[in-house]
Amino acid sequence: MSSDTFMWTSQDPRQSTLFTTQGIVYRFITEPNAAGQHVTTLWKMIRSNKEDRVAKLEWAPTGGLGRAIIGKSTVPMTDLVRRDPRTPGMRLWNGPDGFIYRWAPSGEDVHLLDPNNAIIAKIKQCRPARYPGLGDVYCELEFIRNAGQGVVMHPPLMDTVTVTAMLYRFATQYNL
């Protein structure tokens, strides 16, 4: 099965970079805005020296989950990491296609399940490794290209998967 693996820097996913051997793919940059509220912007490299804003995450004043602006949609961050009352550790979210996707812990990894329970992506823990100019890598985000309907690598699903993976890491790190 074909997959694309992105190395993920930083233990704080709000200030991190996802990259491959080809270079940077996504960057999460967190800064205070004029009102002092912390805002994380997700940038996606579209070609050399050109990136597009994919999402803006406005954190609550307490540092907790606030609201996410992905494309033209605005949703509470809590909607992107809803707890599944039936399965501890599992987080649900509605994709841009209207279907429910689930981040589900599985041993050391976390699997992203599509509506038919196919594993379409994984967050994989790894031993910290230093990459000069990029930082220390603590985990990987693997997209399984041909799994399920074969659309995980297509925008806007790929971008939404990246946002929810970051929020999953953050929410589980702080038990939100």
N, C-alpha and C. Protein backbone atom coordinates (compact mmCIF):
# COMPACT_ATOMS: atom_id res chain seq x y z
N MET A 1 0.85 -1.18 0.00
CA MET A 1 0.00 0.00 0.00
C MET A 1 0.89 1.24 0.00
N SER A 2 0.62 2.16 -0.85
CA SER A 2 1.42 3.37 -1.00
C SER A 2 1.11 4.36 0.12
N SER A 3 2.16 4.98 0.65
CA SER A 3 1.94 5.97 1.71
C SER A 3 2.95 7.10 1.60
N ASP A 4 2.59 8.22 2.20
CA ASP A 4 3.47 9.38 2.29
C ASP A 4 3.67 9.67 3.77
N THR A 5 4.92 9.75 4.20
CA THR A 5 5.22 9.98 5.60
C THR A 5 5.84 11.36 5.78
N PHE A 6 5.26 12.13 6.69
CA PHE A 6 5.76 13.46 7.03
C PHE A 6 6.39 13.39 8.41
N MET A 7 7.62 13.85 8.53
CA MET A 7 8.27 13.97 9.82
C MET A 7 7.66 15.19 10.52
N TRP A 8 7.45 15.08 11.85
CA TRP A 8 6.77 16.14 12.59
C TRP A 8 7.66 16.63 13.72
N THR A 9 8.07 17.89 13.63
CA THR A 9 8.96 18.46 14.64
C THR A 9 8.18 18.94 15.85
N SER A 10 8.89 19.11 16.94
CA SER A 10 8.41 19.77 18.15
C SER A 10 7.42 18.94 18.97
N GLN A 11 7.61 18.99 20.27
CA GLN A 11 6.65 18.36 21.17
C GLN A 11 5.40 19.21 21.29
N ASP A 12 5.48 20.50 20.99
CA ASP A 12 4.30 21.37 20.97
C ASP A 12 3.80 21.44 19.54
N PRO A 13 2.71 20.75 19.23
CA PRO A 13 2.25 20.71 17.84
C PRO A 13 1.80 22.07 17.30
N ARG A 14 1.55 23.03 18.19
CA ARG A 14 1.11 24.36 17.74
C ARG A 14 2.24 25.16 17.11
N GLN A 15 3.46 24.75 17.35
CA GLN A 15 4.64 25.43 16.81
C GLN A 15 5.53 24.35 16.22
N SER A 16 5.16 23.87 15.04
CA SER A 16 5.84 22.70 14.50
C SER A 16 5.86 22.73 12.97
N THR A 17 6.64 21.81 12.42
CA THR A 17 6.80 21.69 10.97
C THR A 17 6.63 20.24 10.57
N LEU A 18 5.96 20.01 9.45
CA LEU A 18 5.86 18.68 8.86
C LEU A 18 6.63 18.71 7.55
N PHE A 19 7.54 17.75 7.37
CA PHE A 19 8.38 17.75 6.17
C PHE A 19 8.66 16.34 5.70
N THR A 20 9.11 16.25 4.46
CA THR A 20 9.54 14.98 3.85
C THR A 20 10.98 15.17 3.38
N THR A 21 11.50 14.17 2.71
CA THR A 21 12.84 14.31 2.14
C THR A 21 12.86 15.36 1.04
N GLN A 22 11.70 15.71 0.51
CA GLN A 22 11.59 16.73 -0.54
C GLN A 22 11.54 18.14 0.02
N GLY A 23 11.30 18.28 1.33
CA GLY A 23 11.24 19.60 1.95
C GLY A 23 10.02 19.78 2.83
N ILE A 24 9.79 21.02 3.25
CA ILE A 24 8.68 21.35 4.15
C ILE A 24 7.36 21.23 3.39
N VAL A 25 6.36 20.63 4.06
CA VAL A 25 5.02 20.50 3.49
C VAL A 25 4.05 21.42 4.22
N TYR A 26 4.05 21.37 5.56
CA TYR A 26 3.17 22.20 6.38
C TYR A 26 3.98 22.84 7.50
N ARG A 27 3.52 24.03 7.93
CA ARG A 27 4.10 24.69 9.11
C ARG A 27 2.97 25.22 9.97
N PHE A 28 3.03 24.93 11.28
CA PHE A 28 2.13 25.53 12.26
C PHE A 28 2.91 26.64 12.95
N ILE A 29 2.43 27.87 12.84
CA ILE A 29 3.08 29.02 13.47
C ILE A 29 2.09 29.64 14.45
N THR A 30 2.49 29.76 15.72
CA THR A 30 1.61 30.33 16.74
C THR A 30 2.19 31.65 17.22
N GLU A 31 1.35 32.68 17.18
CA GLU A 31 1.74 34.03 17.59
C GLU A 31 0.56 34.72 18.25
N PRO A 32 0.83 35.69 19.12
CA PRO A 32 -0.28 36.48 19.66
C PRO A 32 -0.75 37.49 18.61
N ASN A 33 -2.08 37.71 18.56
CA ASN A 33 -2.60 38.75 17.66
C ASN A 33 -2.62 40.09 18.39
N ALA A 34 -3.19 41.12 17.78
CA ALA A 34 -3.20 42.47 18.36
C ALA A 34 -3.92 42.50 19.71
N ALA A 35 -4.90 41.61 19.90
CA ALA A 35 -5.65 41.57 21.16
C ALA A 35 -4.97 40.69 22.21
N GLY A 36 -3.82 40.10 21.87
CA GLY A 36 -3.11 39.25 22.81
C GLY A 36 -3.55 37.79 22.78
N GLN A 37 -4.51 37.46 21.93
CA GLN A 37 -4.99 36.09 21.80
C GLN A 37 -4.00 35.30 20.94
N HIS A 38 -3.69 34.08 21.36
CA HIS A 38 -2.78 33.25 20.57
C HIS A 38 -3.53 32.65 19.39
N VAL A 39 -2.91 32.75 18.22
CA VAL A 39 -3.49 32.25 16.98
C VAL A 39 -2.44 31.38 16.28
N THR A 40 -2.85 30.18 15.89
CA THR A 40 -1.98 29.29 15.13
C THR A 40 -2.43 29.31 13.68
N THR A 41 -1.49 29.55 12.79
CA THR A 41 -1.77 29.52 11.36
C THR A 41 -1.10 28.30 10.77
N LEU A 42 -1.85 27.54 9.98
CA LEU A 42 -1.29 26.40 9.26
C LEU A 42 -1.00 26.83 7.84
N TRP A 43 0.28 26.77 7.47
CA TRP A 43 0.73 27.12 6.13
C TRP A 43 1.09 25.85 5.38
N LYS A 44 0.74 25.80 4.09
CA LYS A 44 1.08 24.66 3.23
C LYS A 44 1.92 25.16 2.07
N MET A 45 3.06 24.51 1.88
CA MET A 45 3.92 24.86 0.75
C MET A 45 3.24 24.39 -0.53
N ILE A 46 3.08 25.31 -1.48
CA ILE A 46 2.47 24.91 -2.76
C ILE A 46 3.51 24.85 -3.86
N ARG A 47 4.61 25.57 -3.69
CA ARG A 47 5.79 25.47 -4.56
C ARG A 47 6.92 26.19 -3.83
N SER A 48 8.09 26.12 -4.37
CA SER A 48 9.25 26.75 -3.74
C SER A 48 8.98 28.23 -3.47
N ASN A 49 9.19 28.64 -2.24
CA ASN A 49 9.01 30.03 -1.79
C ASN A 49 7.58 30.54 -1.89
N LYS A 50 6.59 29.64 -1.95
CA LYS A 50 5.19 30.06 -2.01
C LYS A 50 4.37 29.12 -1.13
N GLU A 51 3.65 29.70 -0.18
CA GLU A 51 2.79 28.89 0.67
C GLU A 51 1.43 29.56 0.81
N ASP A 52 0.42 28.73 1.04
CA ASP A 52 -0.95 29.20 1.23
C ASP A 52 -1.38 28.95 2.66
N ARG A 53 -2.22 29.85 3.18
CA ARG A 53 -2.80 29.62 4.50
C ARG A 53 -3.92 28.61 4.35
N VAL A 54 -3.83 27.53 5.11
CA VAL A 54 -4.82 26.46 5.08
C VAL A 54 -5.86 26.66 6.17
N ALA A 55 -5.39 27.06 7.36
CA ALA A 55 -6.29 27.18 8.51
C ALA A 55 -5.74 28.20 9.49
N LYS A 56 -6.66 28.72 10.28
CA LYS A 56 -6.30 29.61 11.37
C LYS A 56 -7.02 29.09 12.61
N LEU A 57 -6.25 28.87 13.67
CA LEU A 57 -6.79 28.34 14.92
C LEU A 57 -6.67 29.42 15.99
N GLU A 58 -7.80 29.89 16.47
CA GLU A 58 -7.83 30.94 17.49
C GLU A 58 -8.07 30.26 18.84
N TRP A 59 -7.05 30.31 19.70
CA TRP A 59 -7.11 29.62 20.99
C TRP A 59 -7.92 30.41 21.99
N ALA A 60 -8.54 29.71 22.93
CA ALA A 60 -9.30 30.35 24.00
C ALA A 60 -8.34 31.17 24.85
N PRO A 61 -8.84 32.23 25.52
CA PRO A 61 -7.96 33.06 26.36
C PRO A 61 -7.20 32.26 27.42
N THR A 62 -7.77 31.14 27.86
CA THR A 62 -7.11 30.30 28.87
C THR A 62 -6.06 29.38 28.26
N GLY A 63 -5.92 29.40 26.92
CA GLY A 63 -4.97 28.52 26.25
C GLY A 63 -5.61 27.23 25.78
N GLY A 64 -6.90 27.06 26.07
CA GLY A 64 -7.61 25.86 25.65
C GLY A 64 -8.13 25.98 24.23
N LEU A 65 -9.00 25.06 23.88
CA LEU A 65 -9.55 25.00 22.53
C LEU A 65 -10.49 26.17 22.26
N GLY A 66 -10.33 26.79 21.12
CA GLY A 66 -11.15 27.93 20.72
C GLY A 66 -11.91 27.60 19.45
N ARG A 67 -11.63 28.36 18.38
CA ARG A 67 -12.32 28.08 17.12
C ARG A 67 -11.30 27.91 16.00
N ALA A 68 -11.72 27.14 14.99
CA ALA A 68 -10.87 26.86 13.84
C ALA A 68 -11.53 27.41 12.59
N ILE A 69 -10.73 28.06 11.77
CA ILE A 69 -11.19 28.54 10.47
C ILE A 69 -10.39 27.76 9.43
N ILE A 70 -11.10 26.86 8.74
CA ILE A 70 -10.47 26.02 7.72
C ILE A 70 -11.16 26.36 6.40
N GLY A 71 -10.41 26.95 5.51
CA GLY A 71 -11.02 27.41 4.26
C GLY A 71 -12.05 28.48 4.59
N LYS A 72 -13.29 28.23 4.19
CA LYS A 72 -14.37 29.19 4.46
C LYS A 72 -15.26 28.75 5.62
N SER A 73 -14.89 27.66 6.28
CA SER A 73 -15.69 27.13 7.39
C SER A 73 -15.09 27.52 8.73
N THR A 74 -15.95 27.91 9.66
CA THR A 74 -15.53 28.21 11.03
C THR A 74 -16.25 27.23 11.96
N VAL A 75 -15.48 26.51 12.77
CA VAL A 75 -16.06 25.53 13.69
C VAL A 75 -15.33 25.61 15.03
N PRO A 76 -16.03 25.25 16.12
CA PRO A 76 -15.32 25.13 17.40
C PRO A 76 -14.27 24.03 17.29
N MET A 77 -13.10 24.26 17.86
CA MET A 77 -12.06 23.23 17.83
C MET A 77 -12.56 21.94 18.48
N THR A 78 -13.43 22.08 19.47
CA THR A 78 -13.96 20.88 20.14
C THR A 78 -14.70 19.97 19.17
N ASP A 79 -15.27 20.54 18.09
CA ASP A 79 -15.95 19.71 17.08
C ASP A 79 -14.96 18.88 16.28
N LEU A 80 -13.69 19.26 16.29
CA LEU A 80 -12.67 18.55 15.52
C LEU A 80 -11.95 17.49 16.34
N VAL A 81 -12.23 17.44 17.65
CA VAL A 81 -11.64 16.43 18.53
C VAL A 81 -12.68 15.98 19.56
N ARG A 82 -13.89 15.68 19.08
CA ARG A 82 -14.96 15.22 19.98
C ARG A 82 -14.61 13.86 20.55
N ARG A 83 -14.80 13.70 21.85
CA ARG A 83 -14.59 12.39 22.47
C ARG A 83 -15.69 11.43 22.03
N ASP A 84 -15.31 10.19 21.79
CA ASP A 84 -16.29 9.15 21.50
C ASP A 84 -16.66 8.52 22.83
N PRO A 85 -17.93 8.68 23.27
CA PRO A 85 -18.30 8.15 24.59
C PRO A 85 -18.20 6.63 24.68
N ARG A 86 -18.17 5.95 23.54
CA ARG A 86 -18.11 4.48 23.54
C ARG A 86 -16.70 3.93 23.61
N THR A 87 -15.70 4.74 23.20
CA THR A 87 -14.34 4.22 23.10
C THR A 87 -13.36 5.21 23.71
N PRO A 88 -12.76 4.88 24.86
CA PRO A 88 -11.80 5.79 25.48
C PRO A 88 -10.63 6.12 24.54
N GLY A 89 -10.25 7.38 24.51
CA GLY A 89 -9.12 7.82 23.71
C GLY A 89 -9.45 8.15 22.27
N MET A 90 -10.62 7.72 21.80
CA MET A 90 -10.99 7.97 20.41
C MET A 90 -11.56 9.38 20.28
N ARG A 91 -11.22 10.06 19.19
CA ARG A 91 -11.73 11.40 18.90
C ARG A 91 -12.37 11.40 17.51
N LEU A 92 -13.54 12.03 17.42
CA LEU A 92 -14.32 12.06 16.19
C LEU A 92 -14.33 13.45 15.59
N TRP A 93 -14.53 13.52 14.27
CA TRP A 93 -14.73 14.81 13.59
C TRP A 93 -15.41 14.57 12.25
N ASN A 94 -16.14 15.57 11.82
CA ASN A 94 -16.81 15.50 10.53
C ASN A 94 -15.88 16.08 9.47
N GLY A 95 -15.65 15.31 8.42
CA GLY A 95 -14.79 15.75 7.34
C GLY A 95 -15.49 16.73 6.42
N PRO A 96 -14.74 17.34 5.53
CA PRO A 96 -15.34 18.28 4.58
C PRO A 96 -16.34 17.60 3.64
N ASP A 97 -16.29 16.26 3.59
CA ASP A 97 -17.23 15.50 2.77
C ASP A 97 -18.50 15.13 3.54
N GLY A 98 -18.57 15.55 4.82
CA GLY A 98 -19.74 15.26 5.65
C GLY A 98 -19.66 13.95 6.41
N PHE A 99 -18.68 13.11 6.13
CA PHE A 99 -18.55 11.83 6.81
C PHE A 99 -17.80 11.99 8.13
N ILE A 100 -18.02 11.04 9.04
CA ILE A 100 -17.35 11.06 10.34
C ILE A 100 -16.05 10.26 10.24
N TYR A 101 -14.97 10.88 10.71
CA TYR A 101 -13.65 10.25 10.78
C TYR A 101 -13.28 10.14 12.24
N ARG A 102 -12.41 9.16 12.57
CA ARG A 102 -12.04 8.92 13.97
C ARG A 102 -10.55 8.71 14.12
N TRP A 103 -9.96 9.45 15.06
CA TRP A 103 -8.59 9.18 15.48
C TRP A 103 -8.71 8.15 16.61
N ALA A 104 -8.08 6.99 16.45
CA ALA A 104 -8.21 5.89 17.39
C ALA A 104 -6.84 5.38 17.82
N PRO A 105 -6.53 5.43 19.13
CA PRO A 105 -5.26 4.88 19.60
C PRO A 105 -5.16 3.39 19.27
N SER A 106 -3.96 2.97 18.87
CA SER A 106 -3.72 1.57 18.56
C SER A 106 -2.27 1.26 18.91
N GLY A 107 -2.07 0.76 20.11
CA GLY A 107 -0.70 0.53 20.58
C GLY A 107 0.04 1.85 20.70
N GLU A 108 1.22 1.93 20.09
CA GLU A 108 2.02 3.16 20.11
C GLU A 108 1.51 4.21 19.13
N ASP A 109 0.75 3.78 18.13
CA ASP A 109 0.29 4.68 17.07
C ASP A 109 -1.14 5.14 17.32
N VAL A 110 -1.57 6.09 16.50
CA VAL A 110 -2.95 6.54 16.48
C VAL A 110 -3.40 6.43 15.03
N HIS A 111 -4.47 5.69 14.79
CA HIS A 111 -4.96 5.48 13.43
C HIS A 111 -6.12 6.41 13.12
N LEU A 112 -6.16 6.92 11.91
CA LEU A 112 -7.32 7.66 11.44
C LEU A 112 -8.17 6.70 10.62
N LEU A 113 -9.41 6.51 11.10
CA LEU A 113 -10.33 5.59 10.45
C LEU A 113 -11.35 6.37 9.64
N ASP A 114 -11.60 5.91 8.42
CA ASP A 114 -12.62 6.54 7.59
C ASP A 114 -13.99 5.97 7.98
N PRO A 115 -15.08 6.39 7.34
CA PRO A 115 -16.41 5.90 7.72
C PRO A 115 -16.59 4.39 7.60
N ASN A 116 -15.74 3.73 6.80
CA ASN A 116 -15.81 2.27 6.63
C ASN A 116 -14.77 1.53 7.46
N ASN A 117 -14.16 2.23 8.42
CA ASN A 117 -13.14 1.68 9.32
C ASN A 117 -11.83 1.34 8.63
N ALA A 118 -11.58 1.88 7.45
CA ALA A 118 -10.28 1.70 6.81
C ALA A 118 -9.29 2.68 7.43
N ILE A 119 -8.07 2.24 7.69
CA ILE A 119 -7.03 3.11 8.22
C ILE A 119 -6.49 3.93 7.05
N ILE A 120 -6.68 5.27 7.12
CA ILE A 120 -6.25 6.13 6.01
C ILE A 120 -5.06 7.01 6.39
N ALA A 121 -4.75 7.10 7.67
CA ALA A 121 -3.59 7.86 8.12
C ALA A 121 -3.20 7.37 9.51
N LYS A 122 -1.97 7.70 9.92
CA LYS A 122 -1.48 7.30 11.24
C LYS A 122 -0.60 8.41 11.81
N ILE A 123 -0.69 8.59 13.12
CA ILE A 123 0.29 9.38 13.85
C ILE A 123 1.17 8.34 14.54
N LYS A 124 2.46 8.35 14.21
CA LYS A 124 3.38 7.35 14.72
C LYS A 124 4.44 8.02 15.58
N GLN A 125 4.56 7.56 16.82
CA GLN A 125 5.61 8.06 17.70
C GLN A 125 6.95 7.53 17.22
N CYS A 126 7.99 8.32 17.40
CA CYS A 126 9.33 7.85 17.04
C CYS A 126 10.33 8.41 18.05
N ARG A 127 11.51 7.83 18.05
CA ARG A 127 12.57 8.34 18.92
C ARG A 127 12.94 9.73 18.43
N PRO A 128 13.13 10.67 19.34
CA PRO A 128 13.52 12.02 18.89
C PRO A 128 14.79 11.97 18.05
N ALA A 129 14.75 12.66 16.94
CA ALA A 129 15.90 12.74 16.03
C ALA A 129 16.04 14.17 15.56
N ARG A 130 17.27 14.66 15.52
CA ARG A 130 17.52 16.06 15.12
C ARG A 130 17.74 16.15 13.61
N TYR A 131 17.05 17.10 13.00
CA TYR A 131 17.22 17.40 11.58
C TYR A 131 17.70 18.84 11.49
N PRO A 132 18.96 19.06 11.12
CA PRO A 132 19.52 20.42 11.08
C PRO A 132 18.65 21.36 10.22
N GLY A 133 18.39 22.52 10.78
CA GLY A 133 17.60 23.53 10.08
C GLY A 133 16.11 23.34 10.20
N LEU A 134 15.67 22.18 10.73
CA LEU A 134 14.24 21.91 10.85
C LEU A 134 13.81 21.67 12.29
N GLY A 135 14.66 21.04 13.09
CA GLY A 135 14.33 20.79 14.49
C GLY A 135 14.33 19.31 14.81
N ASP A 136 13.88 19.02 16.02
CA ASP A 136 13.81 17.64 16.49
C ASP A 136 12.47 17.04 16.08
N VAL A 137 12.51 15.82 15.56
CA VAL A 137 11.30 15.11 15.16
C VAL A 137 10.88 14.19 16.29
N TYR A 138 9.59 14.26 16.66
CA TYR A 138 9.05 13.45 17.74
C TYR A 138 8.02 12.43 17.26
N CYS A 139 7.44 12.68 16.09
CA CYS A 139 6.48 11.73 15.54
C CYS A 139 6.39 11.91 14.03
N GLU A 140 5.62 11.03 13.42
CA GLU A 140 5.40 11.09 11.97
C GLU A 140 3.90 11.07 11.70
N LEU A 141 3.50 11.73 10.64
CA LEU A 141 2.12 11.67 10.16
C LEU A 141 2.18 10.94 8.82
N GLU A 142 1.60 9.76 8.79
CA GLU A 142 1.63 8.94 7.59
C GLU A 142 0.25 8.94 6.93
N PHE A 143 0.21 9.32 5.67
CA PHE A 143 -1.01 9.26 4.87
C PHE A 143 -0.95 8.00 4.03
N ILE A 144 -1.97 7.16 4.11
CA ILE A 144 -2.00 5.92 3.33
C ILE A 144 -2.79 6.21 2.06
N ARG A 145 -2.04 6.46 1.02
CA ARG A 145 -2.55 7.03 -0.23
C ARG A 145 -3.73 6.28 -0.84
N ASN A 146 -3.69 4.96 -0.90
CA ASN A 146 -4.73 4.20 -1.61
C ASN A 146 -5.78 3.59 -0.69
N ALA A 147 -5.73 3.87 0.60
CA ALA A 147 -6.67 3.26 1.54
C ALA A 147 -8.05 3.88 1.41
N GLY A 148 -9.05 3.12 1.82
CA GLY A 148 -10.42 3.62 1.79
C GLY A 148 -10.82 4.02 0.39
N GLN A 149 -11.33 5.23 0.25
CA GLN A 149 -11.76 5.73 -1.05
C GLN A 149 -10.59 6.30 -1.86
N GLY A 150 -9.40 6.32 -1.27
CA GLY A 150 -8.22 6.81 -1.98
C GLY A 150 -8.17 8.32 -2.11
N VAL A 151 -8.85 9.04 -1.21
CA VAL A 151 -8.91 10.50 -1.33
C VAL A 151 -8.21 11.24 -0.19
N VAL A 152 -7.52 10.52 0.70
CA VAL A 152 -6.92 11.17 1.86
C VAL A 152 -5.88 12.22 1.47
N MET A 153 -5.27 12.08 0.31
CA MET A 153 -4.24 13.03 -0.12
C MET A 153 -4.82 14.21 -0.89
N HIS A 154 -6.12 14.25 -1.07
CA HIS A 154 -6.75 15.33 -1.82
C HIS A 154 -7.19 16.45 -0.89
N PRO A 155 -6.88 17.71 -1.28
CA PRO A 155 -7.46 18.80 -0.50
C PRO A 155 -8.95 18.82 -0.77
N PRO A 156 -9.77 19.18 0.17
CA PRO A 156 -9.41 19.70 1.48
C PRO A 156 -9.25 18.64 2.56
N LEU A 157 -9.47 17.34 2.24
CA LEU A 157 -9.38 16.31 3.28
C LEU A 157 -7.98 16.23 3.88
N MET A 158 -6.95 16.26 3.06
CA MET A 158 -5.58 16.17 3.57
C MET A 158 -5.29 17.32 4.54
N ASP A 159 -5.72 18.51 4.20
CA ASP A 159 -5.50 19.66 5.08
C ASP A 159 -6.26 19.50 6.39
N THR A 160 -7.50 19.01 6.32
CA THR A 160 -8.30 18.82 7.52
C THR A 160 -7.72 17.72 8.39
N VAL A 161 -7.21 16.66 7.77
CA VAL A 161 -6.54 15.59 8.53
C VAL A 161 -5.35 16.18 9.28
N THR A 162 -4.58 17.04 8.64
CA THR A 162 -3.41 17.65 9.29
C THR A 162 -3.83 18.52 10.47
N VAL A 163 -4.88 19.31 10.30
CA VAL A 163 -5.38 20.14 11.41
C VAL A 163 -5.86 19.27 12.55
N THR A 164 -6.66 18.23 12.25
CA THR A 164 -7.20 17.40 13.33
C THR A 164 -6.11 16.56 14.00
N ALA A 165 -5.08 16.18 13.25
CA ALA A 165 -3.95 15.46 13.86
C ALA A 165 -3.25 16.36 14.88
N MET A 166 -3.04 17.62 14.51
CA MET A 166 -2.42 18.56 15.45
C MET A 166 -3.30 18.75 16.67
N LEU A 167 -4.60 18.95 16.46
CA LEU A 167 -5.51 19.13 17.59
C LEU A 167 -5.60 17.87 18.44
N TYR A 168 -5.54 16.70 17.82
CA TYR A 168 -5.54 15.45 18.58
C TYR A 168 -4.31 15.40 19.49
N ARG A 169 -3.15 15.69 18.92
CA ARG A 169 -1.92 15.69 19.73
C ARG A 169 -2.04 16.67 20.89
N PHE A 170 -2.53 17.88 20.61
CA PHE A 170 -2.65 18.90 21.64
C PHE A 170 -3.67 18.49 22.70
N ALA A 171 -4.85 18.05 22.26
CA ALA A 171 -5.93 17.70 23.19
C ALA A 171 -5.54 16.54 24.10
N THR A 172 -4.87 15.53 23.55
CA THR A 172 -4.49 14.39 24.39
C THR A 172 -3.31 14.75 25.30
N GLN A 173 -2.45 15.63 24.84
CA GLN A 173 -1.31 16.07 25.65
C GLN A 173 -1.79 16.80 26.91
N TYR A 174 -2.87 17.58 26.78
CA TYR A 174 -3.38 18.38 27.89
C TYR A 174 -4.72 17.86 28.42
N ASN A 175 -5.10 16.66 28.01
CA ASN A 175 -6.33 16.02 28.47
C ASN A 175 -7.55 16.93 28.32
N LEU A 176 -7.67 17.54 27.16
CA LEU A 176 -8.81 18.43 26.88
C LEU A 176 -9.96 17.65 26.25
